[in-house]
C-alpha atoms as a PDB file:
ATOM      1  CA  MET A   1      54.672 -29.362 -55.181  1.00  0.00           C
ATOM      2  CA  LYS A   2      55.440 -27.807 -58.621  1.00  0.00           C
ATOM      3  CA  PHE A   3      54.412 -29.325 -61.931  1.00  0.00           C
ATOM      4  CA  ILE A   4      56.209 -28.222 -65.097  1.00  0.00           C
ATOM      5  CA  GLU A   5      54.175 -29.132 -68.171  1.00  0.00           C
ATOM      6  CA  PHE A   6      54.579 -29.063 -71.959  1.00  0.00           C
ATOM      7  CA  GLY A   7      51.833 -30.250 -74.354  1.00  0.00           C
ATOM      8  CA  ILE A   8      48.442 -29.398 -75.659  1.00  0.00           C
ATOM      9  CA  GLY A   9      45.089 -28.935 -73.918  1.00  0.00           C
ATOM     10  CA  ASN A  10      46.288 -26.616 -71.086  1.00  0.00           C
ATOM     11  CA  THR A  11      46.134 -22.809 -71.024  1.00  0.00           C
ATOM     12  CA  TRP A  12      49.662 -22.234 -72.177  1.00  0.00           C
ATOM     13  CA  PRO A  13      51.755 -24.913 -74.251  1.00  0.00           C
ATOM     14  CA  VAL A  14      54.404 -24.396 -71.334  1.00  0.00           C
ATOM     15  CA  ARG A  15      53.179 -23.789 -67.874  1.00  0.00           C
ATOM     16  CA  THR A  16      54.254 -24.318 -64.260  1.00  0.00           C
ATOM     17  CA  GLU A  17      51.426 -25.343 -61.896  1.00  0.00           C
ATOM     18  CA  PHE A  18      51.921 -24.856 -58.110  1.00  0.00           C
ATOM     19  CA  GLU A  19      50.071 -27.032 -55.705  1.00  0.00           C
ATOM     20  CA  LEU A  20      49.986 -25.463 -52.186  1.00  0.00           C
ATOM     21  CA  GLU A  21      49.740 -27.493 -48.943  1.00  0.00           C
ATOM     22  CA  GLU A  22      46.295 -26.480 -48.162  1.00  0.00           C
ATOM     23  CA  GLY A  23      45.055 -28.037 -51.479  1.00  0.00           C
ATOM     24  CA  ALA A  24      44.911 -24.532 -53.565  1.00  0.00           C
ATOM     25  CA  GLU A  25      46.449 -24.451 -56.841  1.00  0.00           C
ATOM     26  CA  TYR A  26      47.608 -21.779 -59.382  1.00  0.00           C
ATOM     27  CA  GLU A  27      49.437 -21.833 -62.648  1.00  0.00           C
ATOM     28  CA  GLU A  28      51.853 -19.589 -64.528  1.00  0.00           C
ATOM     29  CA  LYS A  29      52.982 -19.348 -67.917  1.00  0.00           C
ATOM     30  CA  GLY A  30      56.443 -20.886 -68.816  1.00  0.00           C
ATOM     31  CA  ILE A  31      58.944 -22.447 -66.413  1.00  0.00           C
ATOM     32  CA  LYS A  32      59.283 -20.882 -62.979  1.00  0.00           C
ATOM     33  CA  GLY A  33      61.826 -21.207 -60.290  1.00  0.00           C
ATOM     34  CA  PRO A  34      64.566 -23.834 -59.543  1.00  0.00           C
ATOM     35  CA  ILE A  35      63.765 -27.305 -60.548  1.00  0.00           C
ATOM     36  CA  ASP A  36      64.105 -30.020 -57.679  1.00  0.00           C
ATOM     37  CA  PHE A  37      63.432 -33.121 -59.866  1.00  0.00           C
ATOM     38  CA  GLN A  38      61.075 -35.583 -58.378  1.00  0.00           C
ATOM     39  CA  SER A  39      59.599 -37.549 -61.203  1.00  0.00           C
ATOM     40  CA  PHE A  40      58.671 -37.419 -64.943  1.00  0.00           C
ATOM     41  CA  TYR A  41      55.248 -38.166 -66.216  1.00  0.00           C
ATOM     42  CA  ILE A  42      52.930 -38.357 -69.353  1.00  0.00           C
ATOM     43  CA  ARG A  43      49.324 -37.600 -68.915  1.00  0.00           C
ATOM     44  CA  ILE A  44      46.803 -38.283 -71.754  1.00  0.00           C
ATOM     45  CA  TRP A  45      43.160 -37.081 -71.075  1.00  0.00           C
ATOM     46  CA  LEU A  46      40.546 -38.583 -73.132  1.00  0.00           C
ATOM     47  CA  SER A  47      37.172 -36.958 -72.615  1.00  0.00           C
ATOM     48  CA  GLN A  48      36.575 -38.018 -68.782  1.00  0.00           C
ATOM     49  CA  THR A  49      39.267 -40.589 -68.668  1.00  0.00           C
ATOM     50  CA  VAL A  50      42.757 -39.796 -67.666  1.00  0.00           C
ATOM     51  CA  PHE A  51      45.794 -42.027 -68.092  1.00  0.00           C
ATOM     52  CA  ILE A  52      49.091 -41.047 -66.125  1.00  0.00           C
ATOM     53  CA  MET A  53      52.464 -42.866 -66.682  1.00  0.00           C
ATOM     54  CA  ASP A  54      54.880 -41.387 -63.887  1.00  0.00           C
ATOM     55  CA  THR A  55      58.452 -42.763 -63.110  1.00  0.00           C
ATOM     56  CA  LYS A  56      57.798 -42.689 -59.411  1.00  0.00           C
ATOM     57  CA  ASP A  57      54.103 -43.943 -59.084  1.00  0.00           C
ATOM     58  CA  GLY A  58      53.670 -45.949 -62.091  1.00  0.00           C
ATOM     59  CA  PHE A  59      50.583 -46.404 -64.032  1.00  0.00           C
ATOM     60  CA  LYS A  60      47.311 -44.729 -63.067  1.00  0.00           C
ATOM     61  CA  LYS A  61      43.865 -44.507 -64.659  1.00  0.00           C
ATOM     62  CA  MET A  62      41.276 -42.020 -63.328  1.00  0.00           C
ATOM     63  CA  LYS A  63      37.956 -40.574 -64.030  1.00  0.00           C
ATOM     64  CA  LYS A  64      37.079 -36.893 -63.988  1.00  0.00           C
ATOM     65  CA  ARG A  65      33.862 -34.992 -64.093  1.00  0.00           C
ATOM     66  CA  ARG A  66      35.022 -32.569 -66.908  1.00  0.00           C
ATOM     67  CA  ARG A  67      35.550 -33.542 -70.363  1.00  0.00           C
ATOM     68  CA  LYS A  68      38.961 -32.397 -71.872  1.00  0.00           C
ATOM     69  CA  TRP A  69      41.323 -33.639 -74.609  1.00  0.00           C
ATOM     70  CA  LYS A  70      44.866 -33.251 -73.462  1.00  0.00           C
ATOM     71  CA  PHE A  71      48.542 -34.726 -74.262  1.00  0.00           C
ATOM     72  CA  ILE A  72      50.970 -33.618 -71.388  1.00  0.00           C
ATOM     73  CA  ILE A  73      54.635 -34.158 -70.661  1.00  0.00           C
ATOM     74  CA  GLY A  74      55.692 -32.955 -67.347  1.00  0.00           C
ATOM     75  CA  ILE A  75      58.171 -32.950 -64.412  1.00  0.00           C
ATOM     76  CA  VAL A  76      57.225 -33.056 -60.696  1.00  0.00           C
ATOM     77  CA  SER A  77      59.597 -30.791 -58.523  1.00  0.00           C
ATOM     78  CA  LYS A  78      59.415 -29.710 -55.124  1.00  0.00           C
END
């Protein structure tokens, strides 16, 4: 899967994060590769609570161990 993200709180304001099948992840600056649109999402990370609104999966609320402050708009691609 590939996640193309725009926003504040990540390493770069525009980045592409790649998630490999074995669970490893890596990121690159900018938009990489062709986009095979799967869904659109908004992620708001307030301290250890993450709110995710996704066009495919709906609304989710998660807890994380790290404390971050992020506002991200993204596209999920194959």
